[in-house]
Protein backbone atom coordinates (compact mmCIF):
# COMPACT_ATOMS: atom_id res chain seq x y z
CA MET A 1 -45.36 104.57 1.82
CA ALA A 2 -45.00 101.67 4.36
CA THR A 3 -47.23 99.21 2.27
CA GLU A 4 -45.06 99.78 -0.78
CA MET A 5 -42.28 98.79 1.22
CA VAL A 6 -43.72 95.40 1.94
CA VAL A 7 -44.70 94.53 -1.43
CA ASN A 8 -41.25 95.46 -3.01
CA THR A 9 -39.71 92.94 -0.19
CA GLU A 10 -41.76 90.09 -1.30
CA ARG A 11 -41.04 90.61 -5.11
CA VAL A 12 -37.33 90.16 -4.13
CA GLN A 13 -38.05 87.18 -2.04
CA LYS A 14 -39.62 85.81 -5.08
CA PHE A 15 -37.00 86.54 -7.32
CA PHE A 16 -34.45 84.93 -5.25
CA ASN A 17 -36.46 81.65 -4.91
CA ASP A 18 -36.53 81.46 -8.47
CA LEU A 19 -32.94 81.96 -8.78
CA GLU A 20 -32.54 79.05 -6.40
CA GLU A 21 -34.64 76.56 -8.43
CA GLN A 22 -32.92 77.67 -11.50
CA LYS A 23 -29.69 76.89 -9.58
CA THR A 24 -30.94 73.67 -8.67
CA ILE A 25 -31.85 72.62 -12.26
CA LEU A 26 -28.61 73.66 -13.49
CA SER A 27 -26.63 71.72 -10.94
CA THR A 28 -28.86 68.56 -11.61
CA CYS A 29 -28.36 69.21 -15.46
CA THR A 30 -24.60 69.25 -14.96
CA GLN A 31 -24.52 66.04 -12.91
CA LEU A 32 -26.45 64.38 -15.35
CA PHE A 33 -24.17 65.56 -18.17
CA THR A 34 -21.05 64.48 -16.29
CA THR A 35 -22.74 61.02 -15.73
CA ILE A 36 -23.62 60.59 -19.08
CA SER A 37 -19.96 61.95 -20.48
CA THR A 38 -18.29 59.33 -18.06
CA HIS A 39 -20.50 56.47 -19.14
CA PHE A 40 -19.93 57.19 -22.94
CA ASN A 41 -16.09 57.39 -22.17
CA SER A 42 -16.28 53.97 -20.50
CA LEU A 43 -18.17 52.28 -23.38
CA GLN A 44 -15.83 53.85 -25.93
CA HIS A 45 -12.76 52.61 -23.80
CA SER A 46 -14.47 49.31 -23.55
CA LEU A 47 -14.89 49.19 -27.36
CA SER A 48 -11.38 49.98 -27.96
CA GLN A 49 -10.02 47.32 -25.59
CA LYS A 50 -12.49 44.83 -27.82
CA TYR A 51 -11.42 45.78 -30.90
CA GLN A 52 -7.90 45.53 -30.03
CA SER A 53 -8.27 42.19 -28.77
CA LEU A 54 -10.17 41.03 -31.47
CA GLU A 55 -7.40 42.63 -33.91
CA SER A 56 -4.72 40.56 -32.20
CA ARG A 57 -7.07 37.12 -32.28
CA ILE A 58 -7.54 37.82 -36.00
CA GLN A 59 -3.60 38.21 -36.39
CA ALA A 60 -2.99 35.33 -34.15
CA LEU A 61 -5.36 33.23 -36.20
CA GLU A 62 -3.91 34.34 -39.50
CA SER A 63 -0.55 33.41 -37.95
CA HIS A 64 -1.82 29.75 -36.89
CA SER A 65 -3.28 29.45 -40.41
CA ARG A 66 -0.23 30.29 -42.24
CA ASP A 67 1.77 27.87 -40.04
CA THR A 68 -0.51 25.32 -40.21
CA LEU A 69 -0.98 25.63 -43.89
CA GLN A 70 3.01 25.50 -44.02
CA SER A 71 3.31 22.58 -41.44
CA LEU A 72 0.44 20.74 -43.82
CA ASP A 73 2.66 21.39 -46.92
CA THR A 74 5.68 20.24 -45.10
CA ARG A 75 4.20 16.75 -44.29
CA GLU A 76 2.57 16.61 -47.56
CA ALA A 77 5.99 17.06 -49.15
CA SER A 78 7.44 14.57 -47.08
CA ILE A 79 4.91 11.70 -47.35
CA PRO A 80 6.85 10.22 -49.86
CA GLU A 81 9.98 10.20 -48.04
CA ARG A 82 8.08 8.84 -44.71
CA GLU A 83 6.30 6.19 -46.78
CA SER A 84 9.55 4.90 -48.04
CA ALA A 85 11.24 5.10 -44.43
CA SER A 86 7.82 3.16 -43.35
CA LEU A 87 8.21 0.56 -45.79
CA ALA A 88 11.91 0.04 -45.10
CA ARG A 89 11.41 -0.07 -41.24
CA ILE A 90 8.55 -2.41 -41.70
CA GLN A 91 10.63 -4.92 -44.02
CA GLU A 92 13.55 -4.52 -41.54
CA GLN A 93 10.96 -5.61 -38.73
CA LYS A 94 9.41 -8.66 -40.90
CA GLU A 95 13.05 -9.79 -41.68
CA ALA A 96 14.09 -9.83 -38.14
CA ALA A 97 10.48 -11.46 -37.33
CA LEU A 98 11.37 -14.23 -40.02
CA SER A 99 14.72 -14.73 -38.47
CA GLU A 100 13.72 -14.93 -35.10
CA PHE A 101 11.13 -17.90 -36.22
CA GLU A 102 13.70 -19.41 -37.69
CA LYS A 103 16.36 -19.83 -34.78
CA GLN A 104 15.53 -21.10 -31.27
CA ILE A 105 15.72 -19.10 -28.20
CA PRO A 106 19.08 -20.42 -26.19
CA GLU A 107 18.67 -20.58 -22.34
CA ASN A 108 21.48 -18.31 -21.80
CA LEU A 109 20.32 -15.36 -23.66
CA GLU A 110 20.70 -12.01 -22.26
CA LEU A 111 17.39 -10.46 -21.16
CA SER A 112 17.32 -7.50 -23.44
CA GLU A 113 17.59 -10.18 -26.60
CA ALA A 114 14.89 -12.46 -25.30
CA LEU A 115 12.58 -9.57 -24.56
CA LYS A 116 13.21 -8.38 -28.31
CA SER A 117 12.85 -11.80 -29.93
CA PHE A 118 9.66 -12.39 -28.23
CA SER A 119 8.51 -8.65 -29.48
CA ARG A 120 9.74 -9.25 -33.16
CA LYS A 121 7.85 -12.76 -33.50
CA MET A 122 4.55 -10.75 -31.99
CA ASP A 123 4.69 -13.64 -29.20
CA SER A 124 2.23 -12.13 -26.66
CA ALA A 125 1.97 -15.52 -24.78
CA GLY A 126 5.53 -16.23 -24.87
CA LEU A 127 6.46 -12.82 -23.71
CA VAL A 128 4.18 -12.73 -20.86
CA LYS A 129 5.53 -16.20 -19.82
CA PHE A 130 9.13 -14.96 -19.94
CA ILE A 131 8.31 -11.82 -17.90
CA VAL A 132 6.51 -13.85 -15.50
CA SER A 133 9.84 -16.42 -15.28
CA LYS A 134 11.74 -13.25 -14.61
CA ARG A 135 9.89 -11.67 -12.07
CA LYS A 136 12.99 -11.59 -9.64
CA GLU A 137 14.43 -9.18 -12.13
CA SER A 138 11.55 -6.70 -12.21
CA VAL A 139 13.76 -3.55 -12.02
CA SER A 140 15.88 -4.69 -15.16
CA LEU A 141 12.52 -5.98 -16.70
CA ARG A 142 11.14 -2.20 -16.43
CA ALA A 143 14.24 -0.96 -18.08
CA GLU A 144 14.15 -3.16 -20.73
CA ILE A 145 10.54 -3.58 -21.76
CA VAL A 146 9.90 -0.08 -23.21
CA GLN A 147 13.10 -0.99 -25.73
CA SER A 148 11.79 -4.19 -26.70
CA LEU A 149 8.43 -3.21 -27.33
CA ALA A 150 9.93 -1.13 -29.96
CA GLU A 151 11.05 -3.70 -31.86
CA ALA A 152 7.93 -5.31 -32.39
CA VAL A 153 5.88 -4.99 -35.85
CA ASP A 154 2.46 -3.67 -33.93
CA PRO A 155 3.18 -2.69 -30.22
CA PRO A 156 -0.22 -1.97 -29.28
CA ARG A 157 -1.50 -5.15 -30.74
CA LEU A 158 1.11 -6.73 -28.64
CA VAL A 159 -0.27 -5.23 -25.68
CA LEU A 160 -3.69 -6.12 -26.49
CA ASP A 161 -3.18 -9.33 -27.25
CA SER A 162 -1.64 -9.82 -23.80
CA LEU A 163 -4.21 -8.24 -21.85
CA GLU A 164 -6.98 -10.39 -24.29
CA ASP A 165 -5.24 -13.47 -23.12
CA PHE A 166 -5.12 -12.26 -19.16
CA LEU A 167 -8.83 -11.31 -19.44
CA ASN A 168 -9.68 -14.86 -20.92
CA SER A 169 -7.58 -16.77 -17.91
CA LYS A 170 -9.15 -14.45 -15.43
CA SER A 171 -12.46 -16.10 -16.20
CA ALA A 172 -10.50 -19.32 -15.98
CA LYS A 173 -8.78 -18.65 -12.76
CA ALA A 174 -5.63 -19.66 -14.05
CA GLY A 175 -2.33 -17.68 -13.12
CA VAL A 176 -4.21 -14.71 -12.52
CA THR A 177 -1.52 -12.95 -10.46
CA ASP A 178 1.37 -13.59 -12.65
CA LYS A 179 -0.20 -12.39 -15.77
CA ARG A 180 -1.78 -9.13 -14.02
CA TRP A 181 1.87 -8.33 -13.05
CA ALA A 182 3.17 -8.98 -16.40
CA CYS A 183 0.42 -7.28 -18.46
CA GLY A 184 0.65 -4.27 -16.00
CA LEU A 185 4.72 -3.84 -17.05
CA LEU A 186 3.47 -3.98 -20.97
CA VAL A 187 0.84 -1.13 -20.50
CA GLN A 188 3.43 0.73 -18.68
CA ALA A 189 5.87 0.48 -21.49
CA LEU A 190 3.35 1.17 -24.05
CA PHE A 191 2.19 4.43 -22.40
CA PRO A 192 5.67 5.52 -21.03
CA GLU A 193 4.51 9.43 -20.74
CA SER A 194 0.68 9.01 -19.96
CA HIS A 195 1.05 10.43 -16.50
CA SER A 196 2.55 13.82 -17.56
CA GLU A 197 0.47 14.71 -20.74
CA LYS A 198 -2.82 13.54 -22.44
CA ILE A 199 -1.87 11.35 -25.47
CA GLY A 200 -3.75 12.06 -28.50
CA PRO A 201 -5.11 9.68 -30.84
CA GLN A 202 -2.00 8.49 -32.42
CA PHE A 203 -3.12 4.88 -32.86
CA ALA A 204 -5.17 3.38 -35.65
CA ARG A 205 -8.92 3.43 -35.81
CA THR A 206 -9.04 -0.22 -35.76
CA VAL A 207 -6.53 -0.50 -32.93
CA VAL A 208 -8.84 1.76 -30.49
CA GLU A 209 -11.92 -0.32 -31.49
CA ARG A 210 -10.51 -3.24 -30.26
CA ALA A 211 -9.07 -1.44 -27.19
CA VAL A 212 -12.64 -0.30 -26.52
CA MET A 213 -13.81 -3.80 -26.71
CA ILE A 214 -11.37 -5.13 -24.31
CA LEU A 215 -11.90 -2.50 -21.85
CA GLU A 216 -15.78 -3.61 -22.24
CA GLN A 217 -15.08 -6.74 -21.50
CA TRP A 218 -12.98 -5.85 -18.54
CA LYS A 219 -15.74 -3.74 -17.36
CA GLY A 220 -18.55 -6.29 -17.58
CA GLN A 221 -16.05 -8.83 -15.51
CA MET A 222 -15.77 -5.94 -12.51
CA ASP A 223 -19.59 -5.75 -12.64
CA GLY A 224 -19.90 -9.17 -12.27
CA GLY A 225 -17.09 -9.69 -10.27
CA GLU A 226 -18.36 -9.82 -6.87
CA SER A 227 -20.30 -13.08 -7.42
CA GLU A 228 -17.87 -14.68 -9.54
CA GLY A 229 -14.47 -14.15 -7.62
CA LEU A 230 -13.32 -11.79 -10.32
CA ALA A 231 -13.56 -8.36 -8.22
CA LEU A 232 -11.00 -5.83 -9.54
CA GLY A 233 -7.94 -4.86 -7.59
CA ALA A 234 -5.91 -2.06 -7.13
CA ALA A 235 -3.09 -3.18 -9.65
CA GLU A 236 -6.08 -3.86 -12.24
CA ALA A 237 -7.71 -0.59 -11.39
CA VAL A 238 -4.92 0.92 -12.56
CA MET A 239 -4.20 -0.62 -15.63
CA PHE A 240 -7.93 0.10 -16.94
CA VAL A 241 -7.24 3.83 -16.11
CA GLN A 242 -4.00 3.82 -17.70
CA MET A 243 -5.54 2.19 -21.10
CA VAL A 244 -8.36 4.72 -20.59
CA VAL A 245 -6.04 7.82 -20.74
CA GLY A 246 -3.44 6.24 -23.22
CA PHE A 247 -5.76 5.57 -25.91
CA GLY A 248 -7.90 8.65 -24.93
CA LEU A 249 -11.06 6.94 -24.29
CA ASN A 250 -12.48 8.82 -21.21
CA ALA A 251 -15.37 9.98 -23.29
CA LYS A 252 -16.18 6.04 -23.97
CA PHE A 253 -16.98 5.42 -20.12
CA ASP A 254 -19.05 6.80 -17.39
CA LYS A 255 -17.40 9.67 -15.50
CA ALA A 256 -18.58 8.16 -12.36
CA PHE A 257 -17.22 4.96 -12.67
CA LEU A 258 -13.92 6.41 -13.39
CA ARG A 259 -14.27 8.38 -10.28
CA LYS A 260 -15.52 5.45 -8.35
CA LEU A 261 -12.18 3.46 -9.21
CA MET A 262 -9.97 6.24 -8.78
CA LEU A 263 -11.43 6.93 -4.86
CA GLN A 264 -11.70 3.13 -4.48
CA HIS A 265 -7.58 2.66 -5.20
CA ALA A 266 -6.52 5.93 -4.21
CA SER A 267 -3.60 4.32 -2.36
CA ARG A 268 -1.85 3.61 -5.48
CA ARG A 269 0.88 6.55 -6.38
CA ASP A 270 0.16 5.92 -9.98
CA MET A 271 -3.47 6.76 -9.84
CA ALA A 272 -3.13 10.38 -8.66
CA LYS A 273 -0.82 10.90 -11.63
CA LEU A 274 -3.75 9.46 -14.03
CA ALA A 275 -6.13 11.60 -12.16
CA ALA A 276 -4.61 14.50 -12.75
CA VAL A 277 -4.42 14.06 -16.67
CA LEU A 278 -8.01 12.29 -16.72
CA GLU A 279 -9.90 15.11 -14.67
CA ASP A 280 -9.88 18.77 -14.79
CA LYS A 281 -9.12 21.03 -11.60
CA ASP A 282 -12.88 21.16 -10.35
CA SER A 283 -13.25 17.40 -10.59
CA MET A 284 -9.93 17.12 -8.77
CA GLN A 285 -11.21 19.20 -5.64
CA GLU A 286 -14.27 17.04 -5.68
CA ILE A 287 -12.25 13.92 -5.50
CA ILE A 288 -9.87 15.38 -3.11
CA ASP A 289 -12.64 16.56 -0.70
CA GLU A 290 -14.22 12.91 -0.88
CA LEU A 291 -10.61 11.57 0.02
CA VAL A 292 -10.33 13.61 2.76
CA LYS A 293 -13.69 13.09 4.31
CA ASN A 294 -13.36 9.43 4.04
CA ASN A 295 -10.07 9.94 6.30
CA LYS A 296 -7.52 9.16 3.46
CA GLU A 297 -5.41 12.41 3.82
CA VAL A 298 -2.31 10.88 2.87
CA GLU A 299 -3.55 9.92 -0.83
CA ALA A 300 -5.34 13.61 -0.89
CA VAL A 301 -1.77 14.92 -0.54
CA TYR A 302 -0.71 12.81 -3.38
CA PHE A 303 -3.64 14.07 -5.50
CA ALA A 304 -3.35 17.64 -4.68
CA CYS A 305 0.37 18.04 -5.72
CA GLU A 306 -0.24 16.00 -8.70
CA SER A 307 -3.02 18.20 -10.13
CA GLY A 308 -1.63 21.49 -8.64
CA LEU A 309 -3.92 22.25 -5.86
CA ALA A 310 -1.19 22.34 -3.14
CA GLU A 311 -2.15 25.77 -2.34
CA ARG A 312 -6.03 25.15 -1.78
CA PHE A 313 -5.03 21.63 0.06
CA SER A 314 -2.06 22.36 2.37
CA PRO A 315 -0.08 18.73 2.20
CA VAL A 316 0.92 19.75 5.96
CA THR A 317 -2.54 20.43 7.32
CA LEU A 318 -3.71 17.20 5.56
CA LEU A 319 -0.86 15.16 7.02
CA LYS A 320 -1.33 16.75 10.58
CA SER A 321 -5.33 15.68 10.32
CA HIS A 322 -4.14 12.47 9.13
CA LEU A 323 -1.99 11.96 12.24
CA LYS A 324 -4.75 13.12 14.68
CA ASN A 325 -7.17 10.77 12.97
CA PHE A 326 -5.14 7.74 13.06
CA LYS A 327 -4.29 8.22 16.94
CA LYS A 328 -7.70 8.40 17.49
CA ASN A 329 -8.34 4.90 15.65
CA VAL A 330 -5.49 3.51 17.73
CA ALA A 331 -7.07 4.26 20.79
CA ASN A 332 -10.67 3.30 19.83
CA ILE A 333 -9.17 -0.08 18.82
CA LEU A 334 -7.35 -0.70 22.36
CA LYS A 335 -10.48 0.54 24.13
CA ASN A 336 -12.84 -1.82 21.84
CA GLY A 337 -10.28 -4.66 22.52
CA ASN A 338 -9.92 -4.28 26.40
CA ASN A 339 -6.20 -4.02 25.72
CA SER A 340 -5.88 -7.74 24.73
CA LEU A 341 -3.01 -9.29 22.81
CA VAL A 342 -5.09 -9.25 19.74
CA ALA A 343 -5.97 -5.71 19.96
CA THR A 344 -2.48 -4.26 21.05
CA GLU A 345 -1.18 -6.17 17.58
CA GLU A 346 -3.58 -4.72 15.71
CA SER A 347 -3.19 -1.19 17.01
CA SER A 348 0.21 -1.54 16.59
CA ASN A 349 -0.04 -2.41 12.82
CA VAL A 350 -2.43 0.44 12.22
CA GLU A 351 -0.26 2.79 13.68
CA LEU A 352 2.92 1.45 12.09
CA ASN A 353 1.45 1.72 8.68
CA SER A 354 0.09 5.02 9.32
CA ILE A 355 3.57 6.29 10.39
CA ARG A 356 5.35 4.79 7.40
CA ALA A 357 2.98 6.46 5.29
CA ILE A 358 3.02 9.74 6.40
CA ILE A 359 7.24 9.61 6.48
CA LYS A 360 6.95 8.09 2.78
CA CYS A 361 4.62 11.35 1.79
CA VAL A 362 6.94 13.79 3.54
CA GLU A 363 10.20 12.16 1.64
CA ASP A 364 8.19 12.26 -1.57
CA HIS A 365 7.03 15.93 -1.43
CA LYS A 366 10.01 17.18 0.23
CA LEU A 367 8.10 18.57 3.23
CA GLU A 368 11.08 18.00 5.90
CA SER A 369 11.38 21.32 6.55
CA GLU A 370 7.64 22.01 7.27
CA PHE A 371 6.85 18.86 8.76
CA SER A 372 9.08 17.29 10.95
CA VAL A 373 9.27 13.10 11.15
CA GLU A 374 11.93 12.61 13.78
CA SER A 375 9.56 11.68 16.33
CA LEU A 376 7.74 9.43 13.98
CA ARG A 377 10.57 7.41 13.09
CA LYS A 378 11.41 6.79 16.77
CA ARG A 379 7.82 5.62 17.32
CA ALA A 380 8.23 3.39 14.22
CA THR A 381 11.42 1.98 15.70
CA HIS A 382 9.87 1.49 19.12
CA LEU A 383 6.91 -0.21 17.66
CA GLU A 384 9.13 -2.50 15.46
CA LYS A 385 11.31 -3.62 18.67
CA ALA A 386 7.68 -4.37 20.28
CA LYS A 387 6.22 -6.18 17.60
CA ALA A 388 9.39 -8.34 17.25
CA GLU A 389 9.81 -9.05 21.32
CA ARG A 390 5.97 -9.82 21.03
CA LYS A 391 6.63 -12.13 18.28
CA LYS A 392 9.49 -14.02 20.10
CA SER A 393 7.79 -14.07 23.27
CA SER A 394 4.99 -15.87 21.27
CA GLY A 395 7.15 -18.10 19.74
CA ALA A 396 8.99 -19.08 23.01
CA SER A 397 5.68 -19.85 24.88
CA SER A 398 4.45 -22.09 21.80
CA LYS A 399 7.80 -24.51 22.38
CA PRO A 400 7.79 -27.53 24.30
CA GLN A 401 8.40 -26.63 27.94
CA ASN A 402 11.47 -28.01 29.89
CA LYS A 403 10.72 -31.60 30.94
CA ARG A 404 11.37 -32.19 34.80
CA GLY A 405 14.15 -34.27 35.99
CA TYR A 406 13.24 -36.78 38.81
CA SER A 407 15.71 -39.02 41.07
CA ALA A 408 15.54 -42.25 42.30
CA SER A 409 14.90 -41.03 46.19
CA SER A 410 11.30 -39.63 45.12
CA GLY A 411 9.88 -42.56 46.93
CA ARG A 412 7.86 -41.87 49.90
CA GLY A 413 10.62 -42.79 52.25
CA GLY A 414 12.73 -39.67 50.59
CA GLY A 415 14.27 -37.19 52.84
CA GLY A 416 12.62 -33.89 53.73
CA GLY A 417 13.40 -30.55 51.48
CA SER A 418 11.61 -27.93 49.85
CA SER A 419 11.12 -27.91 46.09
CA SER A 420 10.90 -25.08 43.73
CA PHE A 421 8.56 -26.87 41.28
CA ARG A 422 5.30 -25.78 40.37
CA GLN A 423 2.17 -27.82 40.88
CA SER A 424 1.65 -29.80 38.06
CA LYS A 425 -1.23 -31.85 36.45
CA ALA A 426 -1.35 -35.63 36.55
CA ALA A 427 -2.61 -35.40 32.72
CA LYS A 428 0.77 -34.44 31.66
CA TYR A 429 2.37 -37.66 32.31
CA SER A 430 1.27 -41.20 30.99
CA ASN A 431 2.61 -44.69 31.58
CA THR A 432 3.83 -44.96 28.06
CA TYR A 433 6.22 -41.76 28.02
CA SER A 434 7.26 -42.41 24.78
CA SER A 435 8.71 -39.10 24.47
CA PHE A 436 10.92 -39.64 27.47
CA SER A 437 12.18 -43.12 26.24
CA ARG A 438 13.54 -41.68 23.13
CA ARG A 439 15.25 -38.78 24.65
CA ASN A 440 16.36 -40.47 27.80
CA ALA A 441 17.03 -44.04 26.85
CA ASN A 442 19.97 -43.98 28.38
CA PRO A 443 19.68 -41.54 31.30
CA PRO A 444 22.55 -40.19 33.45
CA PRO A 445 22.96 -40.88 37.09
CA PRO A 446 20.73 -38.73 39.09
CA VAL A 447 22.19 -35.79 41.43
CA HIS A 448 22.08 -36.31 45.09
CA HIS A 449 23.19 -34.32 47.60
CA SER A 450 21.46 -36.30 50.55
CA THR A 451 22.64 -39.71 51.10
CA ALA A 452 20.12 -40.43 53.49
CA ALA A 453 17.31 -40.27 50.96
CA ARG A 454 18.82 -42.77 48.25
CA TYR A 455 17.59 -46.41 47.85
CA SER A 456 20.62 -48.60 48.76
CA GLY A 457 19.39 -51.44 46.46
CA ALA A 458 19.20 -51.14 42.64
CA TYR A 459 15.80 -50.21 40.85
CA ASN A 460 13.71 -53.49 40.17
CA TYR A 461 10.64 -52.07 38.79
CA PRO A 462 8.20 -53.81 36.11
CA VAL A 463 9.33 -51.28 33.37
CA GLN A 464 13.05 -51.30 34.18
CA ALA A 465 13.69 -53.79 31.40
CA VAL A 466 12.58 -51.45 28.84
CA TYR A 467 15.46 -49.12 29.45
CA ASP A 468 18.03 -52.17 29.92
CA THR A 469 18.99 -52.13 26.14
CA PRO A 470 21.67 -49.86 25.39
CA ALA A 471 21.16 -46.85 23.07
CA PRO A 472 22.95 -44.13 21.66
CA ALA A 473 23.85 -41.10 23.93
CA PRO A 474 21.12 -38.82 24.30
CA ALA A 475 21.10 -35.18 22.86
CA PRO A 476 21.98 -32.64 25.40
CA TYR A 477 18.19 -31.42 25.29
CA PRO A 478 17.68 -30.13 29.18
CA SER A 479 21.17 -28.86 29.06
CA SER A 480 20.80 -26.08 26.32
CA TYR A 481 18.12 -24.59 28.30
CA GLY A 482 20.64 -24.23 31.14
CA VAL A 483 19.16 -26.92 33.58
CA PRO A 484 21.31 -30.22 34.48
CA HIS A 485 20.57 -33.38 32.78
CA ALA A 486 18.76 -35.36 35.71
CA GLN A 487 17.07 -38.89 35.32
CA SER A 488 13.92 -39.33 33.37
CA PRO A 489 10.50 -39.80 35.10
CA VAL A 490 10.40 -43.08 33.21
CA ALA A 491 12.40 -44.72 36.08
CA ILE A 492 9.95 -43.62 38.45
CA PRO A 493 7.48 -46.30 39.87
CA GLN A 494 3.92 -46.08 38.23
CA HIS A 495 2.31 -46.16 41.91
CA TYR A 496 4.40 -42.67 42.62
CA LEU A 497 2.76 -40.89 39.29
CA SER A 498 -0.46 -41.14 40.29
CA ALA A 499 -2.39 -38.18 40.63
CA ASP A 500 -2.36 -37.89 44.25
CA ASN A 501 1.26 -38.16 44.29
CA LEU A 502 1.81 -35.55 41.77
CA SER A 503 0.15 -33.04 43.90
CA SER A 504 1.94 -30.06 45.29
CA THR A 505 1.82 -31.43 48.79
CA ALA A 506 3.60 -34.76 47.69
CA PHE A 507 6.39 -32.73 45.94
CA ARG A 508 6.98 -30.59 48.79
CA SER A 509 7.04 -33.81 51.26
CA SER A 510 9.58 -35.32 49.22
CA GLY A 511 13.45 -34.40 49.64
CA SER A 512 14.38 -36.26 46.40
CA TYR A 513 14.50 -32.83 44.31
CA SER A 514 16.83 -31.24 46.76
CA GLY A 515 19.67 -31.88 43.96
CA LEU A 516 17.74 -29.71 41.62
CA THR A 517 16.99 -26.49 43.48
CA ASN A 518 18.72 -24.88 40.74
CA TYR A 519 16.10 -25.69 38.10
CA ARG A 520 13.54 -22.93 37.64
CA PRO A 521 10.29 -23.84 36.03
CA TYR A 522 9.07 -21.44 33.00
CA ASP A 523 7.18 -18.63 34.43
CA TYR A 524 4.49 -17.78 31.92
CA ALA A 525 4.05 -14.21 33.49
CA GLU A 526 7.37 -13.31 32.10
CA ALA A 527 6.40 -14.34 28.21
CA ALA A 528 3.35 -11.92 28.79
CA PRO A 529 3.35 -9.28 25.90
CA HIS A 530 4.14 -5.94 26.35
CA THR A 531 1.28 -3.82 26.89
CA TYR A 532 0.62 -0.96 24.64
CA GLN A 533 2.07 2.45 25.51
CA PRO A 534 1.16 5.29 23.04
CA SER A 535 3.60 7.76 22.83
CA SER A 536 2.87 11.41 22.68
CA TYR A 537 3.46 13.31 19.41
CA PRO A 538 4.20 17.07 18.94
CA LYS A 539 1.16 18.89 17.91
């Protein structure tokens, strides 16, 4: 009986094990079913979203197609009217140009009328020459050139003619600077909005082709400019990039070449605006990284703000980095120059230019609340004053020094007394004394405080006859320096002017200078330039 009970327990245990296995299988199947169901639901939801997006795009395309077709129909219907208006405009401009050729431009013609006259006649050479002659009125020129170009029959052709003439004169090296400036104004007037948006192909194909030819010639001068003296400057680089942007020619030129121009001349404010139009955000990030790498943080701020990357490249962080870098640069200049006058001047210029650039950048981008410039303004004022003092001291030291007066009692028999004169060199005086004879032809009587040191007799030197001739009253040269007008050393006997007698011992042994004890020789130590004192900026 006991054996049968054991057998029954094993069968029950086996039965329960089978149930556990079936339960595991059922649980696994349930999980698989749940996973598959979730996956198919996700697919269905994704397909539904894509279908809806496709439907919306199809509807937008149909709507855009209808609008485009309607716009084309409207433009096609307006062609006759526009054609007649264009013909009327051309006829008006033709008559205006012919009338301009028939009359002479008066000299007192207003600036705007003169510009319009040259534009109507399509006289590019005369227009450039006139703009150069009015360079002092650059503010008025910039405002009037845009309107004057509109009076031209073909404004792009007028600007291209002026550029072509400029490139030819650049090869001949004749009047390059003035023509470059005038052509820059014309290019800016032709593309007034090229900084804010990309200009589409709104010019005739022949005009664009000619623009490409001129830019290729310009680029050729850049490539060979180092050896021929035609290297591209910052102003020309801006003009070149502006032409590329304005005519939509970025595909015609190597991207690396354009980027090189932008990096080399990034200090020009227009270059940041042009780069933002010409490059995409990824390329602008690379350009800004390159500027920061080359310690051009201020330029990087302009590029970042123009391209909308101020969040990625914080202007305040860049300016603080630039502040730190130029302080190190100034310290290195002073250290390498052993704090000499030249090193002090160079470091002062570097620091002052950097401070001005930072202040201008902060003002341009309204960063006063985030970056204080008060300490920088005070430092700039201090540097300007120190620079002015150095310039004043340098100018004073380069002027002729006050001539020392001599009395008649400078002979060996003169009375005693100390003199405040510095030791002089015999080479300073010559036997002719031409400079003294012009200034002190009629010297006033010397000042004497000791009668014992005077000579009782009249002067009877060999050269005395030279000064007996009456001469006009001399200019009060010494008195302007606060020194009493004493007798010229011309009256001193030649044997007293020997190298031996001009030594410090000879001066001290004579009492002939006792009347000039108030005279103080020029102290070169007082004219020493101020040493550079770098200030600490707030971190």
